[in-house]
Amino acid sequence: MQRIIHVVGARPKFMKIAPIVRAMEQYPEEFEQVLVHTGQHSDYNMSKVFFDELDLPRPHVNLEVGSGSHASQTALVMTRFEPILLQYRPDWVFVPGDVNSSLGCPW
């Protein structure tokens, strides 16, 4: 079984990751999926609507980064994501896009 961590942080990334998560759900014996939300939206309802409408599971982890400058968000994503990597020890990390979460979660 391969452990996959999906990282999402901003609106367009939820839309990109949803079909990947759903496709992998078809093979539960092959993939263990962990969904990490960076929490870049300061208002939970702003991202909750995307989880609901895109039929995404609730995140396993919320890094609770909040709003801020590019530098502060990226730094918080990096420091809060590292323990997640150490805890879950994934085989793959999917970080779609070109936002602060993408920069903060290279693996």
PDB file of N, CA and C in Angstrom:
ATOM      1  N   MET A   1       0.843  -1.177   0.000  1.00  0.00           N
ATOM      2  CA  MET A   1       0.000   0.000   0.000  1.00  0.00           C
ATOM      3  C   MET A   1       0.888   1.239   0.000  1.00  0.00           C
ATOM      4  N   GLN A   2       0.505   2.211  -0.808  1.00  0.00           N
ATOM      5  CA  GLN A   2       1.249   3.467  -0.869  1.00  0.00           C
ATOM      6  C   GLN A   2       0.488   4.543  -0.107  1.00  0.00           C
ATOM      7  N   ARG A   3       1.228   5.281   0.702  1.00  0.00           N
ATOM      8  CA  ARG A   3       0.636   6.382   1.468  1.00  0.00           C
ATOM      9  C   ARG A   3       0.856   7.675   0.693  1.00  0.00           C
ATOM     10  N   ILE A   4      -0.244   8.382   0.454  1.00  0.00           N
ATOM     11  CA  ILE A   4      -0.236   9.613  -0.322  1.00  0.00           C
ATOM     12  C   ILE A   4      -0.685  10.760   0.575  1.00  0.00           C
ATOM     13  N   ILE A   5       0.063  11.844   0.583  1.00  0.00           N
ATOM     14  CA  ILE A   5      -0.388  13.071   1.242  1.00  0.00           C
ATOM     15  C   ILE A   5      -0.753  14.070   0.146  1.00  0.00           C
ATOM     16  N   HIS A   6      -1.973  14.573   0.228  1.00  0.00           N
ATOM     17  CA  HIS A   6      -2.439  15.638  -0.661  1.00  0.00           C
ATOM     18  C   HIS A   6      -2.439  16.919   0.156  1.00  0.00           C
ATOM     19  N   VAL A   7      -1.860  17.982  -0.387  1.00  0.00           N
ATOM     20  CA  VAL A   7      -1.828  19.267   0.311  1.00  0.00           C
ATOM     21  C   VAL A   7      -2.612  20.284  -0.504  1.00  0.00           C
ATOM     22  N   VAL A   8      -3.581  20.919   0.143  1.00  0.00           N
ATOM     23  CA  VAL A   8      -4.366  21.969  -0.511  1.00  0.00           C
ATOM     24  C   VAL A   8      -4.377  23.191   0.384  1.00  0.00           C
ATOM     25  N   GLY A   9      -4.466  24.348  -0.252  1.00  0.00           N
ATOM     26  CA  GLY A   9      -4.454  25.553   0.547  1.00  0.00           C
ATOM     27  C   GLY A   9      -5.343  26.658   0.036  1.00  0.00           C
ATOM     28  N   ALA A  10      -5.580  26.687  -1.253  1.00  0.00           N
ATOM     29  CA  ALA A  10      -6.352  27.780  -1.833  1.00  0.00           C
ATOM     30  C   ALA A  10      -7.385  27.208  -2.799  1.00  0.00           C
ATOM     31  N   ARG A  11      -8.381  27.987  -3.047  1.00  0.00           N
ATOM     32  CA  ARG A  11      -9.564  27.612  -3.819  1.00  0.00           C
ATOM     33  C   ARG A  11      -9.278  26.796  -5.090  1.00  0.00           C
ATOM     34  N   PRO A  12      -8.415  27.228  -5.995  1.00  0.00           N
ATOM     35  CA  PRO A  12      -8.237  26.439  -7.230  1.00  0.00           C
ATOM     36  C   PRO A  12      -7.600  25.076  -6.977  1.00  0.00           C
ATOM     37  N   LYS A  13      -6.883  24.946  -5.884  1.00  0.00           N
ATOM     38  CA  LYS A  13      -6.201  23.682  -5.601  1.00  0.00           C
ATOM     39  C   LYS A  13      -7.181  22.609  -5.129  1.00  0.00           C
ATOM     40  N   PHE A  14      -8.265  23.029  -4.462  1.00  0.00           N
ATOM     41  CA  PHE A  14      -9.291  22.067  -4.073  1.00  0.00           C
ATOM     42  C   PHE A  14      -9.877  21.417  -5.326  1.00  0.00           C
ATOM     43  N   MET A  15     -10.110  22.240  -6.343  1.00  0.00           N
ATOM     44  CA  MET A  15     -10.693  21.736  -7.585  1.00  0.00           C
ATOM     45  C   MET A  15      -9.732  20.817  -8.319  1.00  0.00           C
ATOM     46  N   LYS A  16      -8.451  21.068  -8.199  1.00  0.00           N
ATOM     47  CA  LYS A  16      -7.461  20.219  -8.868  1.00  0.00           C
ATOM     48  C   LYS A  16      -7.289  18.884  -8.163  1.00  0.00           C
ATOM     49  N   ILE A  17      -7.359  18.864  -6.851  1.00  0.00           N
ATOM     50  CA  ILE A  17      -7.076  17.640  -6.108  1.00  0.00           C
ATOM     51  C   ILE A  17      -8.296  16.729  -6.011  1.00  0.00           C
ATOM     52  N   ALA A  18      -9.508  17.282  -6.090  1.00  0.00           N
ATOM     53  CA  ALA A  18     -10.729  16.487  -5.912  1.00  0.00           C
ATOM     54  C   ALA A  18     -10.811  15.265  -6.832  1.00  0.00           C
ATOM     55  N   PRO A  19     -10.596  15.397  -8.143  1.00  0.00           N
ATOM     56  CA  PRO A  19     -10.705  14.195  -8.990  1.00  0.00           C
ATOM     57  C   PRO A  19      -9.607  13.167  -8.707  1.00  0.00           C
ATOM     58  N   ILE A  20      -8.460  13.621  -8.257  1.00  0.00           N
ATOM     59  CA  ILE A  20      -7.379  12.688  -7.922  1.00  0.00           C
ATOM     60  C   ILE A  20      -7.753  11.884  -6.681  1.00  0.00           C
ATOM     61  N   VAL A  21      -8.261  12.581  -5.666  1.00  0.00           N
ATOM     62  CA  VAL A  21      -8.690  11.904  -4.439  1.00  0.00           C
ATOM     63  C   VAL A  21      -9.784  10.890  -4.756  1.00  0.00           C
ATOM     64  N   ARG A  22     -10.779  11.302  -5.526  1.00  0.00           N
ATOM     65  CA  ARG A  22     -11.890  10.395  -5.859  1.00  0.00           C
ATOM     66  C   ARG A  22     -11.411   9.188  -6.656  1.00  0.00           C
ATOM     67  N   ALA A  23     -10.495   9.390  -7.594  1.00  0.00           N
ATOM     68  CA  ALA A  23      -9.976   8.266  -8.379  1.00  0.00           C
ATOM     69  C   ALA A  23      -9.219   7.281  -7.494  1.00  0.00           C
ATOM     70  N   MET A  24      -8.419   7.796  -6.582  1.00  0.00           N
ATOM     71  CA  MET A  24      -7.650   6.915  -5.698  1.00  0.00           C
ATOM     72  C   MET A  24      -8.551   6.199  -4.694  1.00  0.00           C
ATOM     73  N   GLU A  25      -9.681   6.810  -4.343  1.00  0.00           N
ATOM     74  CA  GLU A  25     -10.629   6.154  -3.439  1.00  0.00           C
ATOM     75  C   GLU A  25     -11.164   4.855  -4.030  1.00  0.00           C
ATOM     76  N   GLN A  26     -11.091   4.708  -5.344  1.00  0.00           N
ATOM     77  CA  GLN A  26     -11.557   3.489  -6.000  1.00  0.00           C
ATOM     78  C   GLN A  26     -10.630   2.298  -5.727  1.00  0.00           C
ATOM     79  N   TYR A  27      -9.449   2.578  -5.175  1.00  0.00           N
ATOM     80  CA  TYR A  27      -8.449   1.531  -4.936  1.00  0.00           C
ATOM     81  C   TYR A  27      -7.938   1.586  -3.494  1.00  0.00           C
ATOM     82  N   PRO A  28      -8.826   1.356  -2.523  1.00  0.00           N
ATOM     83  CA  PRO A  28      -8.423   1.495  -1.116  1.00  0.00           C
ATOM     84  C   PRO A  28      -7.356   0.494  -0.690  1.00  0.00           C
ATOM     85  N   GLU A  29      -7.248  -0.607  -1.395  1.00  0.00           N
ATOM     86  CA  GLU A  29      -6.210  -1.581  -1.062  1.00  0.00           C
ATOM     87  C   GLU A  29      -4.832  -1.159  -1.571  1.00  0.00           C
ATOM     88  N   GLU A  30      -4.793  -0.157  -2.449  1.00  0.00           N
ATOM     89  CA  GLU A  30      -3.530   0.309  -3.007  1.00  0.00           C
ATOM     90  C   GLU A  30      -3.062   1.643  -2.446  1.00  0.00           C
ATOM     91  N   PHE A  31      -4.019   2.500  -2.028  1.00  0.00           N
ATOM     92  CA  PHE A  31      -3.664   3.850  -1.603  1.00  0.00           C
ATOM     93  C   PHE A  31      -4.266   4.189  -0.243  1.00  0.00           C
ATOM     94  N   GLU A  32      -3.430   4.694   0.633  1.00  0.00           N
ATOM     95  CA  GLU A  32      -3.890   5.317   1.864  1.00  0.00           C
ATOM     96  C   GLU A  32      -3.685   6.812   1.672  1.00  0.00           C
ATOM     97  N   GLN A  33      -4.773   7.570   1.721  1.00  0.00           N
ATOM     98  CA  GLN A  33      -4.710   8.991   1.444  1.00  0.00           C
ATOM     99  C   GLN A  33      -4.827   9.815   2.718  1.00  0.00           C
ATOM    100  N   VAL A  34      -3.993  10.840   2.802  1.00  0.00           N
ATOM    101  CA  VAL A  34      -4.034  11.791   3.906  1.00  0.00           C
ATOM    102  C   VAL A  34      -4.214  13.172   3.281  1.00  0.00           C
ATOM    103  N   LEU A  35      -5.253  13.866   3.693  1.00  0.00           N
ATOM    104  CA  LEU A  35      -5.534  15.192   3.146  1.00  0.00           C
ATOM    105  C   LEU A  35      -5.101  16.249   4.161  1.00  0.00           C
ATOM    106  N   VAL A  36      -4.215  17.124   3.721  1.00  0.00           N
ATOM    107  CA  VAL A  36      -3.707  18.203   4.573  1.00  0.00           C
ATOM    108  C   VAL A  36      -4.186  19.528   4.006  1.00  0.00           C
ATOM    109  N   HIS A  37      -4.800  20.308   4.859  1.00  0.00           N
ATOM    110  CA  HIS A  37      -5.276  21.647   4.494  1.00  0.00           C
ATOM    111  C   HIS A  37      -4.327  22.637   5.167  1.00  0.00           C
ATOM    112  N   THR A  38      -3.767  23.540   4.398  1.00  0.00           N
ATOM    113  CA  THR A  38      -2.850  24.508   4.997  1.00  0.00           C
ATOM    114  C   THR A  38      -3.583  25.524   5.862  1.00  0.00           C
ATOM    115  N   GLY A  39      -4.874  25.679   5.650  1.00  0.00           N
ATOM    116  CA  GLY A  39      -5.630  26.646   6.449  1.00  0.00           C
ATOM    117  C   GLY A  39      -5.294  28.081   6.110  1.00  0.00           C
ATOM    118  N   GLN A  40      -4.952  28.325   4.843  1.00  0.00           N
ATOM    119  CA  GLN A  40      -4.578  29.675   4.433  1.00  0.00           C
ATOM    120  C   GLN A  40      -5.757  30.639   4.440  1.00  0.00           C
ATOM    121  N   HIS A  41      -6.970  30.128   4.271  1.00  0.00           N
ATOM    122  CA  HIS A  41      -8.139  31.005   4.347  1.00  0.00           C
ATOM    123  C   HIS A  41      -8.407  31.298   5.813  1.00  0.00           C
ATOM    124  N   SER A  42      -8.492  32.555   6.156  1.00  0.00           N
ATOM    125  CA  SER A  42      -8.730  32.907   7.555  1.00  0.00           C
ATOM    126  C   SER A  42     -10.147  32.554   7.991  1.00  0.00           C
ATOM    127  N   ASP A  43     -11.051  32.363   7.038  1.00  0.00           N
ATOM    128  CA  ASP A  43     -12.427  32.000   7.333  1.00  0.00           C
ATOM    129  C   ASP A  43     -12.649  30.552   6.906  1.00  0.00           C
ATOM    130  N   TYR A  44     -12.927  29.674   7.873  1.00  0.00           N
ATOM    131  CA  TYR A  44     -13.118  28.258   7.578  1.00  0.00           C
ATOM    132  C   TYR A  44     -14.222  28.039   6.553  1.00  0.00           C
ATOM    133  N   ASN A  45     -15.301  28.808   6.635  1.00  0.00           N
ATOM    134  CA  ASN A  45     -16.412  28.633   5.702  1.00  0.00           C
ATOM    135  C   ASN A  45     -15.997  28.901   4.259  1.00  0.00           C
ATOM    136  N   MET A  46     -14.968  29.705   4.077  1.00  0.00           N
ATOM    137  CA  MET A  46     -14.494  30.009   2.722  1.00  0.00           C
ATOM    138  C   MET A  46     -13.943  28.760   2.039  1.00  0.00           C
ATOM    139  N   SER A  47     -13.331  27.861   2.797  1.00  0.00           N
ATOM    140  CA  SER A  47     -12.829  26.624   2.199  1.00  0.00           C
ATOM    141  C   SER A  47     -13.805  25.469   2.389  1.00  0.00           C
ATOM    142  N   LYS A  48     -14.615  25.491   3.449  1.00  0.00           N
ATOM    143  CA  LYS A  48     -15.560  24.405   3.709  1.00  0.00           C
ATOM    144  C   LYS A  48     -16.501  24.187   2.534  1.00  0.00           C
ATOM    145  N   VAL A  49     -16.928  25.256   1.913  1.00  0.00           N
ATOM    146  CA  VAL A  49     -17.841  25.139   0.780  1.00  0.00           C
ATOM    147  C   VAL A  49     -17.214  24.291  -0.330  1.00  0.00           C
ATOM    148  N   PHE A  50     -15.923  24.389  -0.531  1.00  0.00           N
ATOM    149  CA  PHE A  50     -15.274  23.605  -1.583  1.00  0.00           C
ATOM    150  C   PHE A  50     -15.209  22.125  -1.222  1.00  0.00           C
ATOM    151  N   PHE A  51     -14.961  21.825   0.052  1.00  0.00           N
ATOM    152  CA  PHE A  51     -14.980  20.431   0.476  1.00  0.00           C
ATOM    153  C   PHE A  51     -16.369  19.843   0.267  1.00  0.00           C
ATOM    154  N   ASP A  52     -17.402  20.614   0.595  1.00  0.00           N
ATOM    155  CA  ASP A  52     -18.776  20.144   0.439  1.00  0.00           C
ATOM    156  C   ASP A  52     -19.138  19.967  -1.036  1.00  0.00           C
ATOM    157  N   GLU A  53     -18.911  20.986  -1.834  1.00  0.00           N
ATOM    158  CA  GLU A  53     -19.338  20.950  -3.233  1.00  0.00           C
ATOM    159  C   GLU A  53     -18.519  19.990  -4.087  1.00  0.00           C
ATOM    160  N   LEU A  54     -17.263  19.782  -3.732  1.00  0.00           N
ATOM    161  CA  LEU A  54     -16.405  18.883  -4.501  1.00  0.00           C
ATOM    162  C   LEU A  54     -16.377  17.473  -3.930  1.00  0.00           C
ATOM    163  N   ASP A  55     -17.164  17.245  -2.885  1.00  0.00           N
ATOM    164  CA  ASP A  55     -17.257  15.933  -2.244  1.00  0.00           C
ATOM    165  C   ASP A  55     -15.873  15.432  -1.788  1.00  0.00           C
ATOM    166  N   LEU A  56     -15.114  16.338  -1.196  1.00  0.00           N
ATOM    167  CA  LEU A  56     -13.822  15.968  -0.631  1.00  0.00           C
ATOM    168  C   LEU A  56     -14.008  15.565   0.824  1.00  0.00           C
ATOM    169  N   PRO A  57     -13.235  14.579   1.282  1.00  0.00           N
ATOM    170  CA  PRO A  57     -13.315  14.245   2.705  1.00  0.00           C
ATOM    171  C   PRO A  57     -12.767  15.391   3.549  1.00  0.00           C
ATOM    172  N   ARG A  58     -13.178  15.451   4.790  1.00  0.00           N
ATOM    173  CA  ARG A  58     -12.631  16.466   5.695  1.00  0.00           C
ATOM    174  C   ARG A  58     -11.128  16.216   5.833  1.00  0.00           C
ATOM    175  N   PRO A  59     -10.346  17.277   5.942  1.00  0.00           N
ATOM    176  CA  PRO A  59      -8.895  17.102   6.055  1.00  0.00           C
ATOM    177  C   PRO A  59      -8.516  16.336   7.323  1.00  0.00           C
ATOM    178  N   HIS A  60      -7.506  15.514   7.194  1.00  0.00           N
ATOM    179  CA  HIS A  60      -6.951  14.819   8.352  1.00  0.00           C
ATOM    180  C   HIS A  60      -6.184  15.788   9.237  1.00  0.00           C
ATOM    181  N   VAL A  61      -5.577  16.787   8.571  1.00  0.00           N
ATOM    182  CA  VAL A  61      -4.735  17.760   9.267  1.00  0.00           C
ATOM    183  C   VAL A  61      -5.053  19.146   8.725  1.00  0.00           C
ATOM    184  N   ASN A  62      -5.132  20.122   9.615  1.00  0.00           N
ATOM    185  CA  ASN A  62      -5.246  21.522   9.206  1.00  0.00           C
ATOM    186  C   ASN A  62      -4.061  22.252   9.827  1.00  0.00           C
ATOM    187  N   LEU A  63      -3.199  22.793   8.987  1.00  0.00           N
ATOM    188  CA  LEU A  63      -2.000  23.482   9.476  1.00  0.00           C
ATOM    189  C   LEU A  63      -2.319  24.841  10.092  1.00  0.00           C
ATOM    190  N   GLU A  64      -3.525  25.348   9.867  1.00  0.00           N
ATOM    191  CA  GLU A  64      -3.995  26.603  10.464  1.00  0.00           C
ATOM    192  C   GLU A  64      -3.019  27.767  10.261  1.00  0.00           C
ATOM    193  N   VAL A  65      -2.567  27.920   9.023  1.00  0.00           N
ATOM    194  CA  VAL A  65      -1.613  28.971   8.685  1.00  0.00           C
ATOM    195  C   VAL A  65      -2.259  30.355   8.730  1.00  0.00           C
ATOM    196  N   GLY A  66      -3.509  30.463   8.299  1.00  0.00           N
ATOM    197  CA  GLY A  66      -4.180  31.756   8.296  1.00  0.00           C
ATOM    198  C   GLY A  66      -3.664  32.670   7.202  1.00  0.00           C
ATOM    199  N   SER A  67      -4.117  33.898   7.239  1.00  0.00           N
ATOM    200  CA  SER A  67      -3.695  34.853   6.221  1.00  0.00           C
ATOM    201  C   SER A  67      -2.406  35.537   6.659  1.00  0.00           C
ATOM    202  N   GLY A  68      -1.745  36.162   5.707  1.00  0.00           N
ATOM    203  CA  GLY A  68      -0.492  36.856   5.987  1.00  0.00           C
ATOM    204  C   GLY A  68       0.266  37.095   4.708  1.00  0.00           C
ATOM    205  N   SER A  69       1.468  37.589   4.855  1.00  0.00           N
ATOM    206  CA  SER A  69       2.302  37.840   3.679  1.00  0.00           C
ATOM    207  C   SER A  69       2.734  36.507   3.064  1.00  0.00           C
ATOM    208  N   HIS A  70       3.223  36.561   1.830  1.00  0.00           N
ATOM    209  CA  HIS A  70       3.711  35.350   1.171  1.00  0.00           C
ATOM    210  C   HIS A  70       4.800  34.692   2.003  1.00  0.00           C
ATOM    211  N   ALA A  71       5.703  35.490   2.512  1.00  0.00           N
ATOM    212  CA  ALA A  71       6.820  34.940   3.290  1.00  0.00           C
ATOM    213  C   ALA A  71       6.347  34.289   4.583  1.00  0.00           C
ATOM    214  N   SER A  72       5.455  34.952   5.298  1.00  0.00           N
ATOM    215  CA  SER A  72       5.013  34.385   6.572  1.00  0.00           C
ATOM    216  C   SER A  72       4.172  33.127   6.359  1.00  0.00           C
ATOM    217  N   GLN A  73       3.300  33.124   5.350  1.00  0.00           N
ATOM    218  CA  GLN A  73       2.507  31.926   5.072  1.00  0.00           C
ATOM    219  C   GLN A  73       3.400  30.757   4.656  1.00  0.00           C
ATOM    220  N   THR A  74       4.334  31.019   3.761  1.00  0.00           N
ATOM    221  CA  THR A  74       5.212  29.957   3.286  1.00  0.00           C
ATOM    222  C   THR A  74       6.054  29.393   4.431  1.00  0.00           C
ATOM    223  N   ALA A  75       6.566  30.259   5.277  1.00  0.00           N
ATOM    224  CA  ALA A  75       7.367  29.808   6.422  1.00  0.00           C
ATOM    225  C   ALA A  75       6.535  28.954   7.365  1.00  0.00           C
ATOM    226  N   LEU A  76       5.301  29.375   7.645  1.00  0.00           N
ATOM    227  CA  LEU A  76       4.442  28.591   8.533  1.00  0.00           C
ATOM    228  C   LEU A  76       4.075  27.239   7.919  1.00  0.00           C
ATOM    229  N   VAL A  77       3.798  27.229   6.619  1.00  0.00           N
ATOM    230  CA  VAL A  77       3.508  25.959   5.955  1.00  0.00           C
ATOM    231  C   VAL A  77       4.702  25.025   6.099  1.00  0.00           C
ATOM    232  N   MET A  78       5.890  25.530   5.845  1.00  0.00           N
ATOM    233  CA  MET A  78       7.092  24.688   5.929  1.00  0.00           C
ATOM    234  C   MET A  78       7.289  24.120   7.333  1.00  0.00           C
ATOM    235  N   THR A  79       7.208  24.962   8.332  1.00  0.00           N
ATOM    236  CA  THR A  79       7.493  24.488   9.692  1.00  0.00           C
ATOM    237  C   THR A  79       6.372  23.598  10.231  1.00  0.00           C
ATOM    238  N   ARG A  80       5.145  23.817   9.798  1.00  0.00           N
ATOM    239  CA  ARG A  80       4.043  22.984  10.287  1.00  0.00           C
ATOM    240  C   ARG A  80       3.860  21.705   9.473  1.00  0.00           C
ATOM    241  N   PHE A  81       4.362  21.698   8.239  1.00  0.00           N
ATOM    242  CA  PHE A  81       4.227  20.507   7.399  1.00  0.00           C
ATOM    243  C   PHE A  81       5.312  19.471   7.709  1.00  0.00           C
ATOM    244  N   GLU A  82       6.479  19.911   8.096  1.00  0.00           N
ATOM    245  CA  GLU A  82       7.567  18.973   8.367  1.00  0.00           C
ATOM    246  C   GLU A  82       7.185  17.884   9.381  1.00  0.00           C
ATOM    247  N   PRO A  83       6.558  18.224  10.522  1.00  0.00           N
ATOM    248  CA  PRO A  83       6.159  17.155  11.447  1.00  0.00           C
ATOM    249  C   PRO A  83       5.138  16.180  10.852  1.00  0.00           C
ATOM    250  N   ILE A  84       4.326  16.670   9.920  1.00  0.00           N
ATOM    251  CA  ILE A  84       3.352  15.795   9.256  1.00  0.00           C
ATOM    252  C   ILE A  84       4.087  14.766   8.408  1.00  0.00           C
ATOM    253  N   LEU A  85       5.106  15.221   7.696  1.00  0.00           N
ATOM    254  CA  LEU A  85       5.927  14.290   6.912  1.00  0.00           C
ATOM    255  C   LEU A  85       6.570  13.238   7.804  1.00  0.00           C
ATOM    256  N   LEU A  86       7.089  13.666   8.935  1.00  0.00           N
ATOM    257  CA  LEU A  86       7.742  12.732   9.849  1.00  0.00           C
ATOM    258  C   LEU A  86       6.736  11.763  10.474  1.00  0.00           C
ATOM    259  N   GLN A  87       5.537  12.241  10.733  1.00  0.00           N
ATOM    260  CA  GLN A  87       4.511  11.384  11.321  1.00  0.00           C
ATOM    261  C   GLN A  87       3.993  10.346  10.330  1.00  0.00           C
ATOM    262  N   TYR A  88       3.641  10.778   9.125  1.00  0.00           N
ATOM    263  CA  TYR A  88       3.003   9.892   8.165  1.00  0.00           C
ATOM    264  C   TYR A  88       3.981   9.160   7.245  1.00  0.00           C
ATOM    265  N   ARG A  89       5.156   9.699   7.049  1.00  0.00           N
ATOM    266  CA  ARG A  89       6.173   9.090   6.177  1.00  0.00           C
ATOM    267  C   ARG A  89       5.572   8.619   4.845  1.00  0.00           C
ATOM    268  N   PRO A  90       5.099   9.586   4.045  1.00  0.00           N
ATOM    269  CA  PRO A  90       4.402   9.226   2.804  1.00  0.00           C
ATOM    270  C   PRO A  90       5.344   8.711   1.721  1.00  0.00           C
ATOM    271  N   ASP A  91       4.761   7.951   0.804  1.00  0.00           N
ATOM    272  CA  ASP A  91       5.480   7.544  -0.404  1.00  0.00           C
ATOM    273  C   ASP A  91       5.411   8.644  -1.459  1.00  0.00           C
ATOM    274  N   TRP A  92       4.307   9.391  -1.450  1.00  0.00           N
ATOM    275  CA  TRP A  92       4.072  10.461  -2.413  1.00  0.00           C
ATOM    276  C   TRP A  92       3.455  11.652  -1.701  1.00  0.00           C
ATOM    277  N   VAL A  93       3.788  12.839  -2.185  1.00  0.00           N
ATOM    278  CA  VAL A  93       3.147  14.062  -1.727  1.00  0.00           C
ATOM    279  C   VAL A  93       2.656  14.807  -2.964  1.00  0.00           C
ATOM    280  N   PHE A  94       1.361  15.057  -3.033  1.00  0.00           N
ATOM    281  CA  PHE A  94       0.779  15.820  -4.139  1.00  0.00           C
ATOM    282  C   PHE A  94       0.484  17.226  -3.649  1.00  0.00           C
ATOM    283  N   VAL A  95       1.093  18.202  -4.296  1.00  0.00           N
ATOM    284  CA  VAL A  95       0.882  19.604  -3.946  1.00  0.00           C
ATOM    285  C   VAL A  95       0.633  20.354  -5.255  1.00  0.00           C
ATOM    286  N   PRO A  96      -0.624  20.397  -5.700  1.00  0.00           N
ATOM    287  CA  PRO A  96      -0.889  21.035  -6.985  1.00  0.00           C
ATOM    288  C   PRO A  96      -0.771  22.547  -6.894  1.00  0.00           C
ATOM    289  N   GLY A  97      -0.335  23.134  -7.979  1.00  0.00           N
ATOM    290  CA  GLY A  97      -0.476  24.566  -8.110  1.00  0.00           C
ATOM    291  C   GLY A  97       0.751  25.414  -7.916  1.00  0.00           C
ATOM    292  N   ASP A  98       0.453  26.681  -7.721  1.00  0.00           N
ATOM    293  CA  ASP A  98       1.483  27.707  -7.702  1.00  0.00           C
ATOM    294  C   ASP A  98       1.223  28.714  -6.596  1.00  0.00           C
ATOM    295  N   VAL A  99       0.796  28.229  -5.449  1.00  0.00           N
ATOM    296  CA  VAL A  99       0.488  29.117  -4.327  1.00  0.00           C
ATOM    297  C   VAL A  99       1.483  28.869  -3.196  1.00  0.00           C
ATOM    298  N   ASN A 100       1.330  29.586  -2.102  1.00  0.00           N
ATOM    299  CA  ASN A 100       2.263  29.473  -0.988  1.00  0.00           C
ATOM    300  C   ASN A 100       2.379  28.056  -0.450  1.00  0.00           C
ATOM    301  N   SER A 101       1.275  27.315  -0.459  1.00  0.00           N
ATOM    302  CA  SER A 101       1.347  25.934   0.013  1.00  0.00           C
ATOM    303  C   SER A 101       2.224  25.076  -0.891  1.00  0.00           C
ATOM    304  N   SER A 102       2.223  25.374  -2.181  1.00  0.00           N
ATOM    305  CA  SER A 102       3.059  24.620  -3.118  1.00  0.00           C
ATOM    306  C   SER A 102       4.526  24.882  -2.851  1.00  0.00           C
ATOM    307  N   LEU A 103       4.848  26.124  -2.599  1.00  0.00           N
ATOM    308  CA  LEU A 103       6.235  26.489  -2.309  1.00  0.00           C
ATOM    309  C   LEU A 103       6.681  25.939  -0.960  1.00  0.00           C
ATOM    310  N   GLY A 104       5.770  25.907   0.014  1.00  0.00           N
ATOM    311  CA  GLY A 104       6.116  25.488   1.357  1.00  0.00           C
ATOM    312  C   GLY A 104       6.163  24.000   1.576  1.00  0.00           C
ATOM    313  N   CYS A 105       5.700  23.194   0.609  1.00  0.00           N
ATOM    314  CA  CYS A 105       5.644  21.746   0.803  1.00  0.00           C
ATOM    315  C   CYS A 105       6.435  20.938  -0.221  1.00  0.00           C
ATOM    316  N   PRO A 106       7.574  21.406  -0.659  1.00  0.00           N
ATOM    317  CA  PRO A 106       8.332  20.549  -1.572  1.00  0.00           C
ATOM    318  C   PRO A 106       8.828  19.335  -0.808  1.00  0.00           C
ATOM    319  N   TRP A 107       8.921  18.237  -1.494  1.00  0.00           N
ATOM    320  CA  TRP A 107       9.384  17.025  -0.818  1.00  0.00           C
ATOM    321  C   TRP A 107      10.323  16.288  -1.691  1.00  0.00           C
TER     322      TRP A 107
END
